Amino acid sequence: LMSGGTFNNTNISIVMNGTANQDISSTGAFKNLTINKASGLITLSSNTTISTALNFVSGKISIGNSNLTIGNSGAINNANATNYIIATGNGTLNQQVLAGGSKVFPVGLSDAYAPATIALTAGSVTDIMNLRMLAAPYHGGLSGDVASNYAVNATWLISETVTGGSDASITLQWPLTLELPGFNRTLSRLAHYTAGAWEF
């Protein structure tokens, strides 16, 4: 148990359970990382890999501008509306999705859990999918005017590591607090910004 410091990260398991903000700067892969914080936030200041399991007991981890990669046989356990990955910087949560399989990406904004599930058809190519979020919907996809009504107040940015070969079904979730004025769930649909235009 320590409140800070440096250790040799050689495929070890760590429990983050301090009550203040804590930062992870890692040059190796964690075997297991457990978040068990009554208060404070975990942040990443370097790209971090977890080979076996990211376990949530209590608290959030903010990846900021660093990538968080879960090993191909790894898992994220017990994420929920209060314990999840804040993914609103330039860093991405990276997980392998098998052809014919699916994976939950338990991400959200600083104050809202908004997970995505990516499922690939059996005819797809297994790939590592990358996800981050924007805390607003923009008329120009990544920039431009911010939509103030008829939308969910967030954007999910999903990409594949190897371009092509993916036939994916995307399921997005969000709390009522992210629905802007005029948004109607029964009339909602996903929109994909590509080649300078929205594809509905």
Protein backbone atom coordinates (compact mmCIF):
# COMPACT_ATOMS: atom_id res chain seq x y z
CA LEU A 1 0.00 0.00 0.00
CA MET A 2 1.46 3.33 -1.01
CA SER A 3 0.14 6.82 -1.72
CA GLY A 4 2.57 7.44 -4.56
CA GLY A 5 5.95 6.53 -5.96
CA THR A 6 7.56 4.38 -8.59
CA PHE A 7 7.67 0.61 -9.00
CA ASN A 8 8.95 -1.78 -11.63
CA ASN A 9 5.91 -2.72 -13.71
CA THR A 10 6.68 -6.21 -14.98
CA ASN A 11 3.31 -7.87 -15.55
CA ILE A 12 2.11 -7.18 -12.00
CA SER A 13 -1.29 -6.66 -10.39
CA ILE A 14 -2.09 -3.32 -8.77
CA VAL A 15 -5.01 -2.09 -6.66
CA MET A 16 -5.61 1.67 -6.74
CA ASN A 17 -7.40 2.49 -3.47
CA GLY A 18 -6.21 5.90 -2.34
CA THR A 19 -8.73 8.64 -1.58
CA ALA A 20 -6.96 11.44 -3.49
CA ASN A 21 -6.44 11.76 -7.24
CA GLN A 22 -3.87 9.27 -8.53
CA ASP A 23 -1.97 9.14 -11.81
CA ILE A 24 -0.57 6.18 -13.74
CA SER A 25 2.51 6.55 -15.93
CA SER A 26 3.56 3.10 -17.07
CA THR A 27 6.15 1.62 -19.40
CA GLY A 28 5.06 -2.00 -19.01
CA ALA A 29 1.84 -3.99 -19.05
CA PHE A 30 -0.20 -4.52 -15.91
CA LYS A 31 -1.46 -8.04 -15.42
CA ASN A 32 -4.48 -6.80 -13.44
CA LEU A 33 -5.52 -3.29 -12.44
CA THR A 34 -8.25 -2.86 -9.84
CA ILE A 35 -9.96 0.49 -9.21
CA ASN A 36 -11.29 0.66 -5.64
CA LYS A 37 -11.50 4.35 -4.72
CA ALA A 38 -14.03 5.89 -2.36
CA SER A 39 -13.01 9.30 -3.75
CA GLY A 40 -10.57 10.84 -6.19
CA LEU A 41 -9.91 10.01 -9.82
CA ILE A 42 -7.36 7.79 -11.56
CA THR A 43 -5.78 9.42 -14.63
CA LEU A 44 -3.39 8.08 -17.24
CA SER A 45 -0.38 10.12 -18.29
CA SER A 46 1.04 7.44 -20.58
CA ASN A 47 -0.27 4.71 -22.85
CA THR A 48 -1.16 1.76 -20.62
CA THR A 49 -1.81 -1.91 -21.33
CA ILE A 50 -3.66 -4.33 -19.06
CA SER A 51 -3.08 -7.91 -20.15
CA THR A 52 -5.65 -9.79 -18.04
CA ALA A 53 -8.29 -7.68 -16.31
CA LEU A 54 -9.35 -4.15 -15.47
CA ASN A 55 -11.56 -4.61 -12.41
CA PHE A 56 -13.91 -1.97 -11.09
CA VAL A 57 -14.96 -2.00 -7.45
CA SER A 58 -15.51 1.73 -6.99
CA GLY A 59 -14.36 4.78 -8.93
CA LYS A 60 -13.48 5.96 -12.42
CA ILE A 61 -10.37 6.08 -14.57
CA SER A 62 -9.82 8.95 -17.01
CA ILE A 63 -7.62 8.07 -19.98
CA GLY A 64 -7.18 11.67 -21.18
CA ASN A 65 -4.79 11.78 -24.13
CA SER A 66 -3.32 8.32 -23.45
CA ASN A 67 -4.46 5.00 -24.88
CA LEU A 68 -5.76 2.26 -22.61
CA THR A 69 -5.34 -1.16 -24.25
CA ILE A 70 -6.90 -4.33 -22.92
CA GLY A 71 -4.97 -7.46 -23.94
CA ASN A 72 -6.55 -9.72 -26.56
CA SER A 73 -7.53 -12.27 -23.91
CA GLY A 74 -8.23 -9.61 -21.29
CA ALA A 75 -11.51 -8.26 -19.91
CA ILE A 76 -13.10 -5.28 -18.20
CA ASN A 77 -15.14 -6.36 -15.18
CA ASN A 78 -17.95 -4.77 -13.14
CA ALA A 79 -18.17 -1.41 -14.91
CA ASN A 80 -21.48 0.38 -14.38
CA ALA A 81 -23.08 3.83 -14.19
CA THR A 82 -20.76 4.93 -11.36
CA ASN A 83 -17.60 2.96 -12.18
CA TYR A 84 -16.31 3.36 -15.74
CA ILE A 85 -13.69 4.79 -18.11
CA ILE A 86 -13.85 8.51 -18.89
CA ALA A 87 -12.78 8.69 -22.53
CA THR A 88 -13.12 12.34 -23.56
CA GLY A 89 -9.52 13.16 -24.48
CA ASN A 90 -7.56 12.13 -27.56
CA GLY A 91 -6.71 8.76 -26.04
CA THR A 92 -8.72 5.67 -26.94
CA LEU A 93 -9.94 2.55 -25.20
CA ASN A 94 -8.66 -0.32 -27.36
CA GLN A 95 -10.10 -3.84 -27.24
CA GLN A 96 -10.04 -6.78 -29.61
CA VAL A 97 -13.43 -7.83 -30.99
CA LEU A 98 -13.56 -11.33 -32.44
CA ALA A 99 -15.33 -12.08 -35.70
CA GLY A 100 -18.77 -13.33 -34.67
CA GLY A 101 -18.33 -11.84 -31.19
CA SER A 102 -19.04 -8.62 -29.33
CA LYS A 103 -17.38 -6.45 -26.72
CA VAL A 104 -18.70 -3.76 -24.37
CA PHE A 105 -16.68 -0.54 -24.19
CA PRO A 106 -17.67 0.85 -20.75
CA VAL A 107 -16.93 4.51 -21.42
CA GLY A 108 -18.55 7.80 -20.62
CA LEU A 109 -18.16 11.51 -20.01
CA SER A 110 -16.99 12.84 -16.65
CA ASP A 111 -20.58 12.89 -15.39
CA ALA A 112 -22.44 10.37 -17.59
CA TYR A 113 -21.99 6.68 -18.35
CA ALA A 114 -22.42 6.10 -22.10
CA PRO A 115 -21.17 2.63 -23.02
CA ALA A 116 -20.93 1.24 -26.54
CA THR A 117 -21.17 -2.37 -27.65
CA ILE A 118 -19.44 -3.41 -30.86
CA ALA A 119 -20.48 -6.71 -32.45
CA LEU A 120 -18.80 -8.10 -35.57
CA THR A 121 -20.49 -10.53 -37.93
CA ALA A 122 -18.97 -13.97 -38.39
CA GLY A 123 -17.78 -12.90 -41.84
CA SER A 124 -15.80 -9.98 -40.45
CA VAL A 125 -12.10 -9.91 -39.65
CA THR A 126 -11.11 -9.98 -35.97
CA ASP A 127 -9.73 -6.54 -35.17
CA ILE A 128 -8.80 -4.21 -32.34
CA MET A 129 -11.46 -1.51 -32.10
CA ASN A 130 -10.67 1.93 -30.70
CA LEU A 131 -13.16 4.23 -28.99
CA ARG A 132 -13.19 7.70 -27.50
CA MET A 133 -15.90 10.32 -26.96
CA LEU A 134 -16.66 13.99 -27.41
CA ALA A 135 -18.79 15.74 -24.81
CA ALA A 136 -21.04 17.28 -27.47
CA PRO A 137 -22.54 16.58 -30.91
CA TYR A 138 -20.98 18.76 -33.63
CA HIS A 139 -22.66 19.62 -36.94
CA GLY A 140 -19.30 19.01 -38.64
CA GLY A 141 -18.61 15.66 -36.99
CA LEU A 142 -15.53 16.60 -34.98
CA SER A 143 -15.91 20.37 -35.10
CA GLY A 144 -18.16 23.24 -36.10
CA ASP A 145 -21.34 24.39 -34.41
CA VAL A 146 -22.56 22.34 -31.46
CA ALA A 147 -26.05 20.89 -31.80
CA SER A 148 -28.31 22.27 -29.08
CA ASN A 149 -31.43 20.17 -29.67
CA TYR A 150 -32.82 16.94 -31.22
CA ALA A 151 -29.72 14.91 -30.31
CA VAL A 152 -27.85 13.15 -27.54
CA ASN A 153 -25.25 15.48 -26.03
CA ALA A 154 -22.26 13.27 -26.88
CA THR A 155 -20.35 11.79 -29.80
CA TRP A 156 -18.77 8.34 -29.96
CA LEU A 157 -15.65 8.05 -32.15
CA ILE A 158 -15.07 4.44 -33.18
CA SER A 159 -12.32 3.19 -35.44
CA GLU A 160 -10.64 -0.08 -36.35
CA THR A 161 -6.92 -0.70 -36.12
CA VAL A 162 -6.75 -2.47 -39.49
CA THR A 163 -8.91 -0.69 -42.06
CA GLY A 164 -11.49 -2.85 -43.82
CA GLY A 165 -13.05 -6.22 -43.16
CA SER A 166 -15.42 -5.11 -40.40
CA ASP A 167 -19.19 -5.54 -40.61
CA ALA A 168 -20.23 -4.19 -37.23
CA SER A 169 -23.42 -3.59 -35.30
CA ILE A 170 -23.03 -0.69 -32.89
CA THR A 171 -25.22 -0.29 -29.80
CA LEU A 172 -24.96 2.96 -27.83
CA GLN A 173 -26.40 3.75 -24.41
CA TRP A 174 -26.79 7.03 -22.53
CA PRO A 175 -28.66 8.46 -19.54
CA LEU A 176 -31.71 10.69 -19.85
CA THR A 177 -29.58 13.66 -18.72
CA LEU A 178 -27.74 13.62 -22.08
CA GLU A 179 -30.90 14.01 -24.17
CA LEU A 180 -31.13 17.56 -25.55
CA PRO A 181 -34.46 19.40 -25.99
CA GLY A 182 -36.65 17.87 -28.69
CA PHE A 183 -34.88 14.49 -28.68
CA ASN A 184 -37.35 11.66 -29.22
CA ARG A 185 -36.16 8.13 -28.50
CA THR A 186 -38.83 6.56 -30.70
CA LEU A 187 -37.59 8.58 -33.69
CA SER A 188 -33.87 8.31 -32.97
CA ARG A 189 -31.20 6.78 -35.19
CA LEU A 190 -27.42 6.60 -35.39
CA ALA A 191 -25.67 9.02 -37.69
CA HIS A 192 -22.19 8.52 -39.14
CA TYR A 193 -20.14 11.52 -40.26
CA THR A 194 -18.04 10.51 -43.25
CA ALA A 195 -16.64 12.21 -46.36
CA GLY A 196 -17.78 15.62 -45.08
CA ALA A 197 -21.45 14.70 -44.61
CA TRP A 198 -23.80 12.88 -42.26
CA GLU A 199 -24.90 9.39 -43.25
CA PHE A 200 -28.11 8.43 -41.45
